[in-house]
Amino acid sequence: MRSLKVSEKTKTLFKQAMAVILAVTTSLHPSFSMMAAEYPMSNVSTSVSLDEKLILNYGKSKTIKISKQKFPAPVTPIWVSKDRSVADVSTKGKVKGVGRGKTTVTAMIGDDTYTCDVVVDKPELIDRKITLSIGESRRIALQGVVSSDPVWVSSKPSVASVSENGLVTGIQKGSAKMTATVNKKKYSVSVKVLDTPAPEHTHEKERQAGFF
């Protein structure tokens, strides 16, 4: 949880914007002027905790949690996304991943701002099925993951093994699935191992590619 103080210039601009909103609201609802006089923005004190980091998949949404609010009157945060091509945010703090990458979402509350780092993954499998010979190796990959490196696991290590970075090796005839989990969603590659020896050049190519 963290908070970030804003510059005096930003505070001034924020107060000016709130003054305009106050003027319009008061003209539409005269009773609001009594509330505004009782709780002026300059007297708002806050003690806020905000989600420090948010990780989500492309097309998915999550709401940033705010806790420990202490105000003399209710104050609605003003939400802003630094890069809307990566993540957009609603007036209620609901963030939607619209593109792969990293950005920050800021909540302006009173004279203070609070930021949340947002990471959007857009996982895409290069291959969904591969066929290997016994002793042959081939790398599988899950592209578009920004938050962390995917870790692969084999459903049948006795048939086909897989390293953490996705190097699959045929062990014996049969079928298996290699699975990586990103943001609680699983991505799998089906592997079929044939009862034939690996080509002689296989290991040399893998060594040259830096897999060994």
C-alpha atoms as a PDB file:
ATOM      1  CA  MET A   1       0.000   0.000   0.000  1.00  0.00           C
ATOM      2  CA  ARG A   2       1.399   3.409  -0.836  1.00  0.00           C
ATOM      3  CA  SER A   3       0.512   7.042  -1.411  1.00  0.00           C
ATOM      4  CA  LEU A   4       2.090   9.756  -3.511  1.00  0.00           C
ATOM      5  CA  LYS A   5       1.928  13.472  -2.738  1.00  0.00           C
ATOM      6  CA  VAL A   6       1.179  15.762  -5.643  1.00  0.00           C
ATOM      7  CA  SER A   7       2.757  19.076  -6.538  1.00  0.00           C
ATOM      8  CA  GLU A   8       1.268  22.392  -5.481  1.00  0.00           C
ATOM      9  CA  LYS A   9       0.445  23.144  -9.131  1.00  0.00           C
ATOM     10  CA  THR A  10      -1.592  19.944  -9.433  1.00  0.00           C
ATOM     11  CA  LYS A  11      -3.372  20.710  -6.169  1.00  0.00           C
ATOM     12  CA  THR A  12      -4.289  24.164  -7.416  1.00  0.00           C
ATOM     13  CA  LEU A  13      -5.651  22.794 -10.698  1.00  0.00           C
ATOM     14  CA  PHE A  14      -7.636  20.189  -8.808  1.00  0.00           C
ATOM     15  CA  LYS A  15      -9.153  22.782  -6.488  1.00  0.00           C
ATOM     16  CA  GLN A  16     -10.054  24.969  -9.451  1.00  0.00           C
ATOM     17  CA  ALA A  17     -11.782  22.039 -11.129  1.00  0.00           C
ATOM     18  CA  MET A  18     -13.660  21.230  -7.942  1.00  0.00           C
ATOM     19  CA  ALA A  19     -14.718  24.864  -7.649  1.00  0.00           C
ATOM     20  CA  VAL A  20     -16.309  24.676 -11.100  1.00  0.00           C
ATOM     21  CA  ILE A  21     -18.051  21.419 -10.214  1.00  0.00           C
ATOM     22  CA  LEU A  22     -19.245  22.965  -6.954  1.00  0.00           C
ATOM     23  CA  ALA A  23     -20.610  26.021  -8.725  1.00  0.00           C
ATOM     24  CA  VAL A  24     -22.532  23.945 -11.260  1.00  0.00           C
ATOM     25  CA  THR A  25     -23.849  21.553  -8.621  1.00  0.00           C
ATOM     26  CA  THR A  26     -24.950  24.406  -6.364  1.00  0.00           C
ATOM     27  CA  SER A  27     -26.839  26.085  -9.206  1.00  0.00           C
ATOM     28  CA  LEU A  28     -28.710  22.848  -9.867  1.00  0.00           C
ATOM     29  CA  HIS A  29     -29.151  21.882  -6.221  1.00  0.00           C
ATOM     30  CA  PRO A  30     -29.144  24.936  -3.881  1.00  0.00           C
ATOM     31  CA  SER A  31     -29.220  22.704  -0.806  1.00  0.00           C
ATOM     32  CA  PHE A  32     -25.753  21.440  -1.770  1.00  0.00           C
ATOM     33  CA  SER A  33     -24.227  24.820  -0.877  1.00  0.00           C
ATOM     34  CA  MET A  34     -24.958  24.178   2.805  1.00  0.00           C
ATOM     35  CA  MET A  35     -23.063  20.868   2.646  1.00  0.00           C
ATOM     36  CA  ALA A  36     -20.164  22.487   0.788  1.00  0.00           C
ATOM     37  CA  ALA A  37     -19.893  25.241   3.366  1.00  0.00           C
ATOM     38  CA  GLU A  38     -19.854  22.689   6.174  1.00  0.00           C
ATOM     39  CA  TYR A  39     -17.239  20.480   4.504  1.00  0.00           C
ATOM     40  CA  PRO A  40     -14.960  22.609   2.261  1.00  0.00           C
ATOM     41  CA  MET A  41     -12.426  20.716   0.128  1.00  0.00           C
ATOM     42  CA  SER A  42      -9.528  22.556   1.783  1.00  0.00           C
ATOM     43  CA  ASN A  43     -10.423  20.920   5.092  1.00  0.00           C
ATOM     44  CA  VAL A  44     -10.593  17.380   3.748  1.00  0.00           C
ATOM     45  CA  SER A  45      -8.116  15.101   5.479  1.00  0.00           C
ATOM     46  CA  THR A  46      -7.531  11.622   4.191  1.00  0.00           C
ATOM     47  CA  SER A  47      -5.995   8.389   5.382  1.00  0.00           C
ATOM     48  CA  VAL A  48      -6.236   5.997   2.481  1.00  0.00           C
ATOM     49  CA  SER A  49      -4.807   2.628   1.484  1.00  0.00           C
ATOM     50  CA  LEU A  50      -4.926   1.608  -2.167  1.00  0.00           C
ATOM     51  CA  ASP A  51      -4.070  -1.614  -3.996  1.00  0.00           C
ATOM     52  CA  GLU A  52      -0.378  -1.256  -4.844  1.00  0.00           C
ATOM     53  CA  LYS A  53      -0.437  -3.514  -7.912  1.00  0.00           C
ATOM     54  CA  LEU A  54      -3.046  -5.007 -10.210  1.00  0.00           C
ATOM     55  CA  ILE A  55      -2.380  -7.819 -12.703  1.00  0.00           C
ATOM     56  CA  LEU A  56      -5.033  -8.858 -15.199  1.00  0.00           C
ATOM     57  CA  ASN A  57      -5.472 -10.466 -18.590  1.00  0.00           C
ATOM     58  CA  TYR A  58      -6.452  -8.638 -21.754  1.00  0.00           C
ATOM     59  CA  GLY A  59     -10.202  -8.022 -21.855  1.00  0.00           C
ATOM     60  CA  LYS A  60     -10.668  -8.713 -18.145  1.00  0.00           C
ATOM     61  CA  SER A  61     -11.602  -6.224 -15.420  1.00  0.00           C
ATOM     62  CA  LYS A  62     -10.825  -5.764 -11.732  1.00  0.00           C
ATOM     63  CA  THR A  63     -11.782  -3.049  -9.268  1.00  0.00           C
ATOM     64  CA  ILE A  64      -9.031  -1.321  -7.296  1.00  0.00           C
ATOM     65  CA  LYS A  65      -9.742  -1.593  -3.598  1.00  0.00           C
ATOM     66  CA  ILE A  66      -9.628   1.480  -1.363  1.00  0.00           C
ATOM     67  CA  SER A  67      -9.604   1.030   2.391  1.00  0.00           C
ATOM     68  CA  LYS A  68      -9.205   3.060   5.587  1.00  0.00           C
ATOM     69  CA  GLN A  69     -10.912   6.189   4.291  1.00  0.00           C
ATOM     70  CA  LYS A  70     -11.279   8.926   6.892  1.00  0.00           C
ATOM     71  CA  PHE A  71     -13.090  12.028   5.747  1.00  0.00           C
ATOM     72  CA  PRO A  72     -15.209  14.688   7.455  1.00  0.00           C
ATOM     73  CA  ALA A  73     -17.602  14.000   4.538  1.00  0.00           C
ATOM     74  CA  PRO A  74     -17.791  11.449   1.710  1.00  0.00           C
ATOM     75  CA  VAL A  75     -15.378  12.222  -1.128  1.00  0.00           C
ATOM     76  CA  THR A  76     -15.563  10.430  -4.479  1.00  0.00           C
ATOM     77  CA  PRO A  77     -12.118   9.627  -5.943  1.00  0.00           C
ATOM     78  CA  ILE A  78     -11.281  10.950  -9.415  1.00  0.00           C
ATOM     79  CA  TRP A  79      -9.703   8.089 -11.384  1.00  0.00           C
ATOM     80  CA  VAL A  80      -7.183   8.537 -14.202  1.00  0.00           C
ATOM     81  CA  SER A  81      -5.229   5.998 -16.306  1.00  0.00           C
ATOM     82  CA  LYS A  82      -1.789   7.100 -17.458  1.00  0.00           C
ATOM     83  CA  ASP A  83      -1.997   4.973 -20.629  1.00  0.00           C
ATOM     84  CA  ARG A  84      -5.522   4.156 -21.799  1.00  0.00           C
ATOM     85  CA  SER A  85      -4.165   1.983 -24.619  1.00  0.00           C
ATOM     86  CA  VAL A  86      -3.077  -0.472 -21.908  1.00  0.00           C
ATOM     87  CA  ALA A  87      -5.781  -0.077 -19.254  1.00  0.00           C
ATOM     88  CA  ASP A  88      -8.900   2.033 -18.868  1.00  0.00           C
ATOM     89  CA  VAL A  89     -10.557   2.910 -15.555  1.00  0.00           C
ATOM     90  CA  SER A  90     -14.158   3.762 -14.717  1.00  0.00           C
ATOM     91  CA  THR A  91     -15.390   6.443 -12.322  1.00  0.00           C
ATOM     92  CA  LYS A  92     -15.702   3.709  -9.699  1.00  0.00           C
ATOM     93  CA  GLY A  93     -12.129   2.434 -10.027  1.00  0.00           C
ATOM     94  CA  LYS A  94     -12.894  -0.582 -12.203  1.00  0.00           C
ATOM     95  CA  VAL A  95      -9.857  -1.245 -14.403  1.00  0.00           C
ATOM     96  CA  LYS A  96     -10.099  -3.049 -17.753  1.00  0.00           C
ATOM     97  CA  GLY A  97      -7.135  -4.437 -19.684  1.00  0.00           C
ATOM     98  CA  VAL A  98      -7.296  -3.163 -23.259  1.00  0.00           C
ATOM     99  CA  GLY A  99      -3.725  -3.835 -24.420  1.00  0.00           C
ATOM    100  CA  ARG A 100      -0.573  -5.685 -23.375  1.00  0.00           C
ATOM    101  CA  GLY A 101       1.823  -3.632 -21.237  1.00  0.00           C
ATOM    102  CA  LYS A 102       2.280  -1.687 -18.019  1.00  0.00           C
ATOM    103  CA  THR A 103       0.764   1.574 -16.787  1.00  0.00           C
ATOM    104  CA  THR A 104      -0.426   3.306 -13.616  1.00  0.00           C
ATOM    105  CA  VAL A 105      -3.897   4.252 -12.443  1.00  0.00           C
ATOM    106  CA  THR A 106      -4.227   7.240 -10.129  1.00  0.00           C
ATOM    107  CA  ALA A 107      -6.966   8.145  -7.647  1.00  0.00           C
ATOM    108  CA  MET A 108      -7.226  11.824  -6.669  1.00  0.00           C
ATOM    109  CA  ILE A 109      -8.807  12.210  -3.241  1.00  0.00           C
ATOM    110  CA  GLY A 110      -8.878  15.636  -1.679  1.00  0.00           C
ATOM    111  CA  ASP A 111      -5.415  17.181  -2.027  1.00  0.00           C
ATOM    112  CA  ASP A 112      -3.680  13.816  -2.370  1.00  0.00           C
ATOM    113  CA  THR A 113      -3.160  11.240  -5.105  1.00  0.00           C
ATOM    114  CA  TYR A 114      -2.760   7.492  -4.748  1.00  0.00           C
ATOM    115  CA  THR A 115      -1.333   5.253  -7.465  1.00  0.00           C
ATOM    116  CA  CYS A 116      -1.690   1.615  -8.460  1.00  0.00           C
ATOM    117  CA  ASP A 117       0.658  -0.139 -10.884  1.00  0.00           C
ATOM    118  CA  VAL A 118      -1.304  -2.043 -13.528  1.00  0.00           C
ATOM    119  CA  VAL A 119       0.076  -4.908 -15.626  1.00  0.00           C
ATOM    120  CA  VAL A 120      -1.935  -6.340 -18.510  1.00  0.00           C
ATOM    121  CA  ASP A 121      -1.026  -9.739 -19.973  1.00  0.00           C
ATOM    122  CA  LYS A 122      -2.217 -10.953 -23.376  1.00  0.00           C
ATOM    123  CA  PRO A 123      -1.081 -14.601 -23.463  1.00  0.00           C
ATOM    124  CA  GLU A 124      -0.892 -16.322 -26.862  1.00  0.00           C
ATOM    125  CA  LEU A 125       0.358 -19.850 -27.549  1.00  0.00           C
ATOM    126  CA  ILE A 126       2.725 -20.250 -30.506  1.00  0.00           C
ATOM    127  CA  ASP A 127       1.860 -23.966 -30.831  1.00  0.00           C
ATOM    128  CA  ARG A 128      -1.121 -25.882 -29.473  1.00  0.00           C
ATOM    129  CA  LYS A 129       0.089 -29.321 -30.635  1.00  0.00           C
ATOM    130  CA  ILE A 130       3.555 -30.728 -31.287  1.00  0.00           C
ATOM    131  CA  THR A 131       4.913 -34.155 -32.212  1.00  0.00           C
ATOM    132  CA  LEU A 132       8.289 -35.446 -31.041  1.00  0.00           C
ATOM    133  CA  SER A 133      10.423 -38.533 -31.379  1.00  0.00           C
ATOM    134  CA  ILE A 134      11.981 -40.200 -28.346  1.00  0.00           C
ATOM    135  CA  GLY A 135      14.945 -38.077 -27.274  1.00  0.00           C
ATOM    136  CA  GLU A 136      13.907 -35.135 -29.470  1.00  0.00           C
ATOM    137  CA  SER A 137      13.506 -31.683 -27.899  1.00  0.00           C
ATOM    138  CA  ARG A 138      11.493 -28.657 -28.916  1.00  0.00           C
ATOM    139  CA  ARG A 139      10.661 -25.427 -27.208  1.00  0.00           C
ATOM    140  CA  ILE A 140       7.085 -24.218 -26.638  1.00  0.00           C
ATOM    141  CA  ALA A 141       6.272 -20.627 -25.749  1.00  0.00           C
ATOM    142  CA  LEU A 142       3.513 -18.445 -24.374  1.00  0.00           C
ATOM    143  CA  GLN A 143       3.922 -14.936 -25.756  1.00  0.00           C
ATOM    144  CA  GLY A 144       2.430 -11.671 -24.502  1.00  0.00           C
ATOM    145  CA  VAL A 145       2.995 -12.251 -20.775  1.00  0.00           C
ATOM    146  CA  VAL A 146       4.374  -9.126 -19.075  1.00  0.00           C
ATOM    147  CA  SER A 147       3.805  -9.826 -15.375  1.00  0.00           C
ATOM    148  CA  SER A 148       6.169 -12.820 -15.073  1.00  0.00           C
ATOM    149  CA  ASP A 149       7.799 -15.658 -17.003  1.00  0.00           C
ATOM    150  CA  PRO A 150       5.362 -18.572 -17.504  1.00  0.00           C
ATOM    151  CA  VAL A 151       6.414 -21.794 -15.758  1.00  0.00           C
ATOM    152  CA  TRP A 152       5.571 -25.019 -17.591  1.00  0.00           C
ATOM    153  CA  VAL A 153       4.522 -28.325 -16.018  1.00  0.00           C
ATOM    154  CA  SER A 154       4.130 -31.729 -17.723  1.00  0.00           C
ATOM    155  CA  SER A 155       1.050 -33.883 -17.034  1.00  0.00           C
ATOM    156  CA  LYS A 156       3.167 -37.019 -17.696  1.00  0.00           C
ATOM    157  CA  PRO A 157       6.888 -36.431 -17.110  1.00  0.00           C
ATOM    158  CA  SER A 158       7.534 -40.121 -17.909  1.00  0.00           C
ATOM    159  CA  VAL A 159       6.273 -39.503 -21.467  1.00  0.00           C
ATOM    160  CA  ALA A 160       7.534 -35.978 -22.079  1.00  0.00           C
ATOM    161  CA  SER A 161       9.461 -33.699 -19.751  1.00  0.00           C
ATOM    162  CA  VAL A 162       9.461 -29.908 -19.854  1.00  0.00           C
ATOM    163  CA  SER A 163      11.803 -27.347 -18.346  1.00  0.00           C
ATOM    164  CA  GLU A 164      10.487 -24.230 -16.617  1.00  0.00           C
ATOM    165  CA  ASN A 165      11.223 -22.164 -19.729  1.00  0.00           C
ATOM    166  CA  GLY A 166       9.341 -24.540 -22.029  1.00  0.00           C
ATOM    167  CA  LEU A 167      11.877 -26.981 -23.492  1.00  0.00           C
ATOM    168  CA  VAL A 168       9.957 -30.242 -24.117  1.00  0.00           C
ATOM    169  CA  THR A 169      11.768 -33.574 -24.537  1.00  0.00           C
ATOM    170  CA  GLY A 170      10.217 -36.865 -25.655  1.00  0.00           C
ATOM    171  CA  ILE A 171      10.931 -39.673 -23.176  1.00  0.00           C
ATOM    172  CA  GLN A 172       8.775 -42.582 -24.326  1.00  0.00           C
ATOM    173  CA  LYS A 173       5.842 -43.244 -26.647  1.00  0.00           C
ATOM    174  CA  GLY A 174       2.597 -41.663 -25.527  1.00  0.00           C
ATOM    175  CA  SER A 175       0.759 -38.350 -25.074  1.00  0.00           C
ATOM    176  CA  ALA A 176       1.006 -35.586 -22.494  1.00  0.00           C
ATOM    177  CA  LYS A 177       0.053 -31.980 -21.899  1.00  0.00           C
ATOM    178  CA  MET A 178       2.378 -29.128 -21.044  1.00  0.00           C
ATOM    179  CA  THR A 179       0.565 -26.438 -19.035  1.00  0.00           C
ATOM    180  CA  ALA A 180       1.436 -22.914 -17.944  1.00  0.00           C
ATOM    181  CA  THR A 181      -0.799 -20.833 -15.655  1.00  0.00           C
ATOM    182  CA  VAL A 182      -1.115 -17.054 -16.041  1.00  0.00           C
ATOM    183  CA  ASN A 183      -3.446 -15.071 -13.776  1.00  0.00           C
ATOM    184  CA  LYS A 184      -5.271 -18.260 -12.744  1.00  0.00           C
ATOM    185  CA  LYS A 185      -5.933 -19.230 -16.387  1.00  0.00           C
ATOM    186  CA  LYS A 186      -4.314 -22.361 -17.827  1.00  0.00           C
ATOM    187  CA  TYR A 187      -2.718 -22.610 -21.287  1.00  0.00           C
ATOM    188  CA  SER A 188      -1.873 -26.082 -22.587  1.00  0.00           C
ATOM    189  CA  VAL A 189       0.087 -27.629 -25.438  1.00  0.00           C
ATOM    190  CA  SER A 190      -0.664 -31.240 -26.452  1.00  0.00           C
ATOM    191  CA  VAL A 191       2.464 -33.343 -27.010  1.00  0.00           C
ATOM    192  CA  LYS A 192       2.596 -36.661 -28.875  1.00  0.00           C
ATOM    193  CA  VAL A 193       5.754 -38.759 -28.622  1.00  0.00           C
ATOM    194  CA  LEU A 194       6.392 -41.310 -31.401  1.00  0.00           C
ATOM    195  CA  ASP A 195       8.261 -44.557 -30.928  1.00  0.00           C
ATOM    196  CA  THR A 196      11.080 -43.463 -33.209  1.00  0.00           C
ATOM    197  CA  PRO A 197      14.580 -42.223 -32.383  1.00  0.00           C
ATOM    198  CA  ALA A 198      15.295 -38.515 -32.511  1.00  0.00           C
ATOM    199  CA  PRO A 199      17.122 -37.134 -35.560  1.00  0.00           C
ATOM    200  CA  GLU A 200      20.874 -37.003 -34.956  1.00  0.00           C
ATOM    201  CA  HIS A 201      20.993 -33.215 -35.400  1.00  0.00           C
ATOM    202  CA  THR A 202      18.284 -32.473 -32.796  1.00  0.00           C
ATOM    203  CA  HIS A 203      20.473 -31.998 -29.731  1.00  0.00           C
ATOM    204  CA  GLU A 204      23.072 -29.996 -31.628  1.00  0.00           C
ATOM    205  CA  LYS A 205      20.393 -27.540 -32.802  1.00  0.00           C
ATOM    206  CA  GLU A 206      19.034 -27.206 -29.261  1.00  0.00           C
ATOM    207  CA  ARG A 207      22.542 -26.519 -27.944  1.00  0.00           C
ATOM    208  CA  GLN A 208      23.058 -23.815 -30.526  1.00  0.00           C
ATOM    209  CA  ALA A 209      19.721 -22.260 -29.565  1.00  0.00           C
ATOM    210  CA  GLY A 210      20.901 -22.068 -25.953  1.00  0.00           C
ATOM    211  CA  PHE A 211      18.451 -24.596 -24.493  1.00  0.00           C
ATOM    212  CA  PHE A 212      21.157 -26.705 -22.842  1.00  0.00           C
END
